[in-house]
């Protein structure tokens, strides 16, 4: 990535800024009021993760008032190859650096070096598939576990890999293998951004499109300021309050929620709702690892109380599955990095938003896999 002030490979924008650009009728003041009412806007290392391609840099030169007046079609520009309703969804890329291997996997060096090569290759293959699409997506959403350990060198590797996708806006959520400070510091150095936050110490975003609002949440739990928890996730009271405020203020369109961790209802919730087999609670059934969202019950209560919430997309489980609870679809993403079992496939999902639902098309990196280009239609009800 280049660091000159006149040309950057990517440009950070705050969530408020991206909202104003992608939907001109959305007021910056409206979202700022929500945020200020609930939380401090003091600066921290965490920042909303929006990487805009070089072709969109002209918007950054506009004044705030001019940006606020742009409509959705203005954001996408006149490139007829862009489909404003198409989104590329990827998850669990798990990029791994040699330094991380040296520091953390000395006893398993050979296997991890093979994995590092595998995940880097898979990332490049997935990027090429996205770019080869007949219609360019309006954006790409990476739903966490961007890297494997969370070191600075891994995010520098991520930055280099993302250059492959520098014609597409990229939006990033945090997973349990990520590290907010290292992520933000690497990309802040590249772009020298000075954007305000929507929510302190969390990467949260709201992306506007014609048929739905995409709400990105941050389920990364930090055991200490320097050490992510590698298993369970948690949204926390402040983020859930922010999420509730956003859902209530933007109820005019369907909402699609994106986060890293799978939902994992408590036994009490399952018994009370009669949904005993609601969601597979384990991220890795082959090792008996339970790593779902710890505050799932509260999260589900917010979703089910708001009929405009139509789908939740998450990673972490490294397997493609679709569940439905009441009127909400739950989509478990395939991984790009590696699978937990031989029956699964690495790949990504093309999501086409429609007036009354969405079509998901699974793109496996192995084009001969039985799931390659499998289409699933989700109808909102």
Protein backbone atom coordinates (compact mmCIF):
# COMPACT_ATOMS: atom_id res chain seq x y z
CA UNK A 1 0.00 0.00 0.00
CA UNK A 2 1.25 3.45 -0.85
CA UNK A 3 1.29 6.11 1.80
CA UNK A 4 1.44 9.34 -0.18
CA UNK A 5 -1.32 11.82 0.55
CA UNK A 6 -2.30 11.93 -3.10
CA UNK A 7 -2.70 8.20 -3.75
CA UNK A 8 -3.60 5.45 -1.33
CA UNK A 9 -4.56 1.88 -2.05
CA UNK A 10 -7.26 2.02 0.62
CA UNK A 11 -9.00 4.79 2.49
CA UNK A 12 -10.57 4.40 5.91
CA UNK A 13 -13.97 5.94 6.52
CA UNK A 14 -15.89 5.94 9.76
CA UNK A 15 -19.22 4.17 9.91
CA UNK A 16 -21.02 7.51 10.02
CA UNK A 17 -19.11 8.62 6.95
CA UNK A 18 -19.82 5.44 5.07
CA UNK A 19 -23.50 5.70 5.92
CA UNK A 20 -23.65 9.20 4.52
CA UNK A 21 -21.89 8.15 1.34
CA UNK A 22 -23.87 5.00 0.66
CA UNK A 23 -27.28 6.45 1.44
CA UNK A 24 -27.50 10.20 1.07
CA UNK A 25 -30.80 10.51 2.91
CA UNK A 26 -29.29 9.09 6.12
CA UNK A 27 -28.33 11.84 8.51
CA UNK A 28 -24.91 11.90 10.15
CA UNK A 29 -26.52 13.76 13.03
CA UNK A 30 -28.99 10.96 13.55
CA UNK A 31 -26.32 8.33 14.12
CA UNK A 32 -24.08 10.64 16.08
CA UNK A 33 -26.97 11.38 18.41
CA UNK A 34 -27.55 7.68 19.00
CA UNK A 35 -23.90 7.12 19.74
CA UNK A 36 -23.43 10.16 21.95
CA UNK A 37 -26.54 9.33 23.92
CA UNK A 38 -25.23 5.89 24.80
CA UNK A 39 -21.46 6.10 24.91
CA UNK A 40 -18.40 8.27 25.07
CA UNK A 41 -16.88 9.10 21.69
CA UNK A 42 -13.37 9.27 23.10
CA UNK A 43 -10.77 7.99 20.68
CA UNK A 44 -9.39 4.49 21.07
CA UNK A 45 -7.37 2.14 18.91
CA UNK A 46 -10.51 0.44 17.58
CA UNK A 47 -12.17 1.96 14.54
CA UNK A 48 -14.81 0.89 12.03
CA UNK A 49 -13.21 -1.13 9.27
CA UNK A 50 -14.03 0.21 5.82
CA UNK A 51 -11.46 -0.03 3.04
CA UNK A 52 -12.51 1.89 -0.05
CA UNK A 53 -10.89 1.14 -3.41
CA UNK A 54 -8.77 3.59 -5.34
CA UNK A 55 -11.61 4.31 -7.76
CA UNK A 56 -13.73 5.68 -4.88
CA UNK A 57 -11.13 8.13 -3.58
CA UNK A 58 -12.82 11.02 -5.37
CA UNK A 59 -15.55 10.91 -2.71
CA UNK A 60 -13.03 11.57 0.02
CA UNK A 61 -12.18 14.93 -1.50
CA UNK A 62 -15.78 16.13 -1.22
CA UNK A 63 -16.94 18.31 1.63
CA UNK A 64 -19.07 16.79 4.38
CA UNK A 65 -22.17 18.49 3.00
CA UNK A 66 -21.49 17.23 -0.49
CA UNK A 67 -20.93 13.71 0.77
CA UNK A 68 -24.20 13.81 2.69
CA UNK A 69 -26.00 14.60 -0.55
CA UNK A 70 -24.75 11.60 -2.48
CA UNK A 71 -27.21 8.85 -3.30
CA UNK A 72 -26.46 5.16 -3.47
CA UNK A 73 -26.02 5.16 -7.23
CA UNK A 74 -23.56 8.05 -6.91
CA UNK A 75 -21.39 6.02 -4.55
CA UNK A 76 -21.17 3.12 -6.95
CA UNK A 77 -20.32 5.39 -9.85
CA UNK A 78 -21.11 4.80 -13.50
CA UNK A 79 -19.37 1.41 -13.77
CA UNK A 80 -22.10 -0.81 -15.21
CA UNK A 81 -20.23 -3.94 -14.06
CA UNK A 82 -21.03 -3.21 -10.41
CA UNK A 83 -24.20 -4.83 -9.10
CA UNK A 84 -25.36 -2.69 -6.15
CA UNK A 85 -27.31 -5.62 -4.70
CA UNK A 86 -24.48 -8.16 -4.81
CA UNK A 87 -22.15 -8.76 -1.85
CA UNK A 88 -19.18 -11.08 -1.50
CA UNK A 89 -19.13 -12.71 1.95
CA UNK A 90 -15.92 -14.33 3.19
CA UNK A 91 -14.82 -15.53 6.61
CA UNK A 92 -12.03 -17.16 8.59
CA UNK A 93 -9.09 -16.42 6.31
CA UNK A 94 -6.60 -17.11 9.17
CA UNK A 95 -3.52 -15.62 7.51
CA UNK A 96 -0.41 -16.70 9.41
CA UNK A 97 3.02 -15.06 9.43
CA UNK A 98 6.42 -16.66 9.88
CA UNK A 99 7.00 -14.53 12.97
CA UNK A 100 3.84 -15.91 14.58
CA UNK A 101 5.01 -19.43 13.83
CA UNK A 102 8.42 -18.69 15.35
CA UNK A 103 6.86 -17.23 18.49
CA UNK A 104 3.94 -19.59 19.09
CA UNK A 105 4.38 -22.84 17.17
CA UNK A 106 7.99 -23.86 17.54
CA UNK A 107 6.94 -27.39 18.52
CA UNK A 108 4.68 -27.70 15.51
CA UNK A 109 6.63 -25.65 13.02
CA UNK A 110 6.39 -27.87 9.94
CA UNK A 111 2.63 -28.31 10.12
CA UNK A 112 2.01 -24.62 10.74
CA UNK A 113 4.30 -23.54 7.93
CA UNK A 114 2.26 -25.76 5.62
CA UNK A 115 -0.90 -24.17 6.96
CA UNK A 116 0.52 -20.68 6.41
CA UNK A 117 1.13 -21.52 2.77
CA UNK A 118 -2.32 -23.08 2.44
CA UNK A 119 -4.29 -20.15 3.86
CA UNK A 120 -2.32 -17.60 1.82
CA UNK A 121 -2.98 -19.58 -1.35
CA UNK A 122 -6.65 -19.99 -0.51
CA UNK A 123 -7.00 -16.25 0.08
CA UNK A 124 -5.56 -15.53 -3.34
CA UNK A 125 -7.79 -18.13 -5.00
CA UNK A 126 -10.88 -16.70 -3.33
CA UNK A 127 -9.89 -13.18 -4.36
CA UNK A 128 -9.49 -14.29 -7.97
CA UNK A 129 -12.93 -15.91 -7.89
CA UNK A 130 -14.51 -12.72 -6.58
CA UNK A 131 -12.79 -10.65 -9.26
CA UNK A 132 -13.79 -13.11 -11.98
CA UNK A 133 -17.49 -12.62 -11.23
CA UNK A 134 -19.53 -11.39 -14.17
CA UNK A 135 -20.78 -8.54 -12.00
CA UNK A 136 -18.56 -6.81 -9.49
CA UNK A 137 -20.06 -6.86 -5.98
CA UNK A 138 -21.01 -3.64 -4.25
CA UNK A 139 -18.73 -4.68 -1.41
CA UNK A 140 -16.92 -7.52 0.30
CA UNK A 141 -17.57 -8.38 3.95
CA UNK A 142 -14.92 -10.33 5.89
CA UNK A 143 -16.60 -11.70 9.02
CA UNK A 144 -13.63 -12.18 11.29
CA UNK A 145 -10.58 -14.32 12.00
CA UNK A 146 -8.76 -12.37 9.33
CA UNK A 147 -5.50 -13.71 10.75
CA UNK A 148 -4.53 -16.60 13.00
CA UNK A 149 -2.58 -15.15 15.93
CA UNK A 150 -3.28 -11.42 15.71
CA UNK A 151 0.27 -10.14 15.27
CA UNK A 152 1.18 -6.96 13.45
CA UNK A 153 3.04 -8.89 10.77
CA UNK A 154 -0.09 -10.88 10.00
CA UNK A 155 -2.09 -7.72 9.40
CA UNK A 156 0.67 -6.42 7.18
CA UNK A 157 0.27 -9.67 5.25
CA UNK A 158 -3.48 -9.08 5.13
CA UNK A 159 -2.89 -5.58 3.76
CA UNK A 160 -0.74 -7.01 0.97
CA UNK A 161 -3.35 -9.66 0.12
CA UNK A 162 -6.14 -7.10 0.07
CA UNK A 163 -4.36 -5.28 -2.74
CA UNK A 164 -5.74 -8.07 -4.94
CA UNK A 165 -9.21 -6.67 -4.23
CA UNK A 166 -8.46 -2.97 -4.50
CA UNK A 167 -11.36 -2.37 -6.89
CA UNK A 168 -13.96 -3.44 -4.31
CA UNK A 169 -14.99 -1.75 -1.03
CA UNK A 170 -14.05 -4.04 1.86
CA UNK A 171 -15.70 -4.15 5.29
CA UNK A 172 -14.17 -6.11 8.15
CA UNK A 173 -15.54 -7.56 11.40
CA UNK A 174 -13.40 -8.91 14.23
CA UNK A 175 -13.08 -12.59 15.19
CA UNK A 176 -11.57 -14.33 18.19
CA UNK A 177 -8.22 -14.78 16.41
CA UNK A 178 -8.00 -11.07 15.65
CA UNK A 179 -6.45 -8.21 17.61
CA UNK A 180 -8.14 -4.81 17.37
CA UNK A 181 -5.12 -2.64 18.13
CA UNK A 182 -2.76 -4.42 15.75
CA UNK A 183 -5.40 -4.42 13.03
CA UNK A 184 -6.17 -0.72 13.44
CA UNK A 185 -2.56 0.34 13.79
CA UNK A 186 -1.48 -1.38 10.58
CA UNK A 187 -4.27 0.14 8.52
CA UNK A 188 -4.07 3.52 10.25
CA UNK A 189 -0.40 3.69 9.27
CA UNK A 190 -1.35 2.95 5.69
CA UNK A 191 -4.13 5.51 5.44
CA UNK A 192 -3.42 8.06 8.20
CA UNK A 193 -7.15 8.24 8.93
CA UNK A 194 -8.62 10.60 11.53
CA UNK A 195 -12.20 9.34 11.68
CA UNK A 196 -14.49 9.39 14.69
CA UNK A 197 -15.89 6.26 16.25
CA UNK A 198 -19.40 4.91 16.43
CA UNK A 199 -18.65 2.79 19.48
CA UNK A 200 -15.56 2.91 21.63
CA UNK A 201 -13.27 -0.15 21.50
CA UNK A 202 -15.44 -2.00 18.98
CA UNK A 203 -15.51 -2.35 15.20
CA UNK A 204 -19.17 -1.78 14.33
CA UNK A 205 -20.67 -0.71 11.04
CA UNK A 206 -23.94 -0.11 9.26
CA UNK A 207 -23.89 -0.55 5.48
CA UNK A 208 -26.83 0.74 3.48
CA UNK A 209 -28.03 -0.89 0.29
CA UNK A 210 -31.15 -0.75 -1.81
CA UNK A 211 -32.93 -3.74 -0.29
CA UNK A 212 -31.41 -4.14 3.18
CA UNK A 213 -29.16 -2.67 5.85
CA UNK A 214 -26.10 -4.71 6.79
CA UNK A 215 -25.14 -4.32 10.45
CA UNK A 216 -21.63 -5.51 11.37
CA UNK A 217 -20.99 -6.35 15.02
CA UNK A 218 -17.81 -7.08 16.97
CA UNK A 219 -17.86 -10.27 19.08
CA UNK A 220 -14.13 -10.32 19.87
CA UNK A 221 -13.53 -10.70 23.61
CA UNK A 222 -10.21 -9.50 25.04
CA UNK A 223 -8.97 -11.31 28.13
CA UNK A 224 -6.44 -8.52 28.60
CA UNK A 225 -5.71 -5.48 26.42
CA UNK A 226 -3.07 -7.55 24.64
CA UNK A 227 -4.61 -11.01 24.61
CA UNK A 228 -7.76 -11.99 22.68
CA UNK A 229 -9.85 -14.85 24.00
CA UNK A 230 -9.43 -17.59 21.42
CA UNK A 231 -12.76 -19.25 22.04
CA UNK A 232 -16.09 -17.71 23.05
CA UNK A 233 -17.30 -14.34 21.89
CA UNK A 234 -19.27 -11.61 23.60
CA UNK A 235 -21.05 -8.48 22.41
CA UNK A 236 -21.45 -6.85 25.82
CA UNK A 237 -24.09 -4.50 27.22
CA UNK A 238 -22.84 -1.35 25.49
CA UNK A 239 -22.66 -2.89 22.04
CA UNK A 240 -26.06 -4.56 22.46
CA UNK A 241 -27.52 -1.18 23.44
CA UNK A 242 -25.96 0.41 20.35
CA UNK A 243 -27.27 -2.47 18.22
CA UNK A 244 -30.77 -2.06 19.63
CA UNK A 245 -30.72 1.69 18.92
CA UNK A 246 -29.59 1.12 15.34
CA UNK A 247 -32.25 -1.52 14.70
CA UNK A 248 -34.97 0.72 16.08
CA UNK A 249 -33.84 3.78 14.12
CA UNK A 250 -33.50 1.88 10.83
CA UNK A 251 -36.60 -0.29 10.76
CA UNK A 252 -37.72 0.82 7.30
CA UNK A 253 -35.66 -1.90 5.59
CA UNK A 254 -34.76 -5.52 6.31
CA UNK A 255 -31.63 -5.95 8.43
CA UNK A 256 -28.91 -8.51 7.78
CA UNK A 257 -26.58 -8.86 10.78
CA UNK A 258 -22.95 -9.96 10.37
CA UNK A 259 -20.66 -11.04 13.19
CA UNK A 260 -18.02 -13.67 13.78
CA UNK A 261 -19.33 -16.01 16.48
CA UNK A 262 -22.17 -18.48 16.12
CA UNK A 263 -25.18 -18.11 18.36
CA UNK A 264 -25.24 -20.55 21.27
CA UNK A 265 -28.45 -20.29 23.32
CA UNK A 266 -28.50 -21.33 26.96
CA UNK A 267 -30.30 -24.50 28.04
CA UNK A 268 -32.92 -22.30 29.68
CA UNK A 269 -33.54 -20.47 26.40
CA UNK A 270 -33.81 -23.70 24.44
CA UNK A 271 -36.29 -25.17 26.91
CA UNK A 272 -38.33 -21.98 27.14
CA UNK A 273 -38.61 -21.58 23.38
CA UNK A 274 -38.86 -25.27 22.54
CA UNK A 275 -35.85 -25.06 20.24
CA UNK A 276 -33.67 -27.81 21.62
CA UNK A 277 -31.58 -28.17 18.47
CA UNK A 278 -31.42 -24.53 17.54
CA UNK A 279 -27.79 -24.08 16.50
CA UNK A 280 -24.81 -26.40 16.71
CA UNK A 281 -23.02 -24.81 19.69
CA UNK A 282 -19.51 -25.96 18.87
CA UNK A 283 -17.10 -24.24 16.54
CA UNK A 284 -15.01 -27.38 16.29
CA UNK A 285 -16.96 -30.59 17.02
CA UNK A 286 -13.90 -32.69 16.25
CA UNK A 287 -12.18 -31.35 19.36
CA UNK A 288 -15.19 -30.74 21.58
CA UNK A 289 -14.52 -27.00 21.58
CA UNK A 290 -17.43 -24.77 22.56
CA UNK A 291 -16.92 -21.26 21.28
CA UNK A 292 -20.21 -19.56 20.58
CA UNK A 293 -21.58 -16.16 21.57
CA UNK A 294 -21.83 -15.97 25.35
CA UNK A 295 -24.64 -13.39 25.38
CA UNK A 296 -26.67 -15.19 22.74
CA UNK A 297 -29.93 -15.09 24.73
CA UNK A 298 -29.97 -11.29 24.87
CA UNK A 299 -28.89 -11.07 21.22
CA UNK A 300 -31.73 -13.38 20.13
CA UNK A 301 -34.24 -11.44 22.21
CA UNK A 302 -33.33 -8.27 20.30
CA UNK A 303 -33.62 -10.02 16.95
CA UNK A 304 -36.90 -11.77 17.55
CA UNK A 305 -38.55 -8.62 18.91
CA UNK A 306 -37.88 -6.83 15.62
CA UNK A 307 -39.52 -8.40 12.58
CA UNK A 308 -37.38 -6.45 10.12
CA UNK A 309 -34.30 -8.49 11.17
CA UNK A 310 -34.22 -11.20 8.53
CA UNK A 311 -30.82 -12.89 8.65
CA UNK A 312 -27.67 -13.36 10.73
CA UNK A 313 -24.43 -14.26 8.96
CA UNK A 314 -21.52 -15.61 11.02
CA UNK A 315 -18.24 -17.50 10.73
CA UNK A 316 -16.27 -19.32 13.43
CA UNK A 317 -17.77 -22.76 12.78
CA UNK A 318 -15.83 -23.28 9.52
CA UNK A 319 -18.80 -25.00 7.89
CA UNK A 320 -21.64 -23.98 5.62
CA UNK A 321 -25.05 -24.41 7.25
CA UNK A 322 -28.36 -22.56 7.26
CA UNK A 323 -30.80 -22.61 10.17
CA UNK A 324 -34.03 -20.74 10.79
CA UNK A 325 -35.49 -19.58 14.08
CA UNK A 326 -38.93 -18.03 13.83
CA UNK A 327 -38.51 -15.65 10.90
CA UNK A 328 -34.73 -15.20 11.11
CA UNK A 329 -32.27 -17.14 8.94
CA UNK A 330 -28.88 -18.04 10.44
CA UNK A 331 -26.13 -18.56 7.87
CA UNK A 332 -22.91 -20.26 8.95
CA UNK A 333 -20.15 -19.30 6.55
CA UNK A 334 -17.69 -21.67 4.89
CA UNK A 335 -14.07 -20.77 5.70
CA UNK A 336 -11.55 -19.46 3.23
CA UNK A 337 -8.53 -20.56 5.28
CA UNK A 338 -9.08 -24.20 6.26
CA UNK A 339 -11.83 -26.61 7.30
CA UNK A 340 -12.26 -28.67 10.46
CA UNK A 341 -13.22 -31.83 8.59
CA UNK A 342 -12.75 -33.45 5.17
CA UNK A 343 -16.45 -33.27 4.33
CA UNK A 344 -16.40 -29.47 4.39
CA UNK A 345 -15.11 -27.17 1.65
CA UNK A 346 -13.26 -23.88 1.71
CA UNK A 347 -14.98 -21.09 -0.13
CA UNK A 348 -17.14 -18.00 0.12
CA UNK A 349 -20.71 -16.86 -0.57
CA UNK A 350 -22.12 -14.47 -3.11
CA UNK A 351 -25.21 -12.82 -1.63
CA UNK A 352 -27.72 -11.17 -3.95
CA UNK A 353 -30.18 -9.01 -2.02
CA UNK A 354 -33.70 -8.75 -3.41
CA UNK A 355 -36.89 -6.93 -2.61
CA UNK A 356 -38.29 -9.85 -0.61
CA UNK A 357 -35.24 -11.90 0.30
CA UNK A 358 -31.76 -12.94 -0.75
CA UNK A 359 -30.12 -15.56 -2.91
CA UNK A 360 -26.96 -17.18 -1.58
CA UNK A 361 -24.57 -18.85 -3.99
CA UNK A 362 -21.77 -20.92 -2.48
CA UNK A 363 -18.46 -20.58 -4.31
CA UNK A 364 -16.09 -23.37 -3.28
CA UNK A 365 -12.44 -23.09 -4.25
CA UNK A 366 -12.63 -26.68 -5.46
CA UNK A 367 -14.94 -26.17 -8.43
CA UNK A 368 -15.70 -29.91 -8.52
CA UNK A 369 -17.05 -29.96 -4.97
CA UNK A 370 -20.71 -30.94 -4.65
CA UNK A 371 -21.52 -27.57 -3.06
CA UNK A 372 -19.88 -25.41 -5.71
CA UNK A 373 -22.35 -22.83 -6.99
CA UNK A 374 -25.11 -24.26 -4.81
CA UNK A 375 -27.91 -21.70 -4.65
CA UNK A 376 -30.18 -21.16 -1.67
CA UNK A 377 -33.08 -18.73 -1.79
CA UNK A 378 -34.01 -17.03 1.48
CA UNK A 379 -37.48 -15.52 1.44
CA UNK A 380 -38.26 -12.90 4.05
CA UNK A 381 -41.48 -13.52 5.94
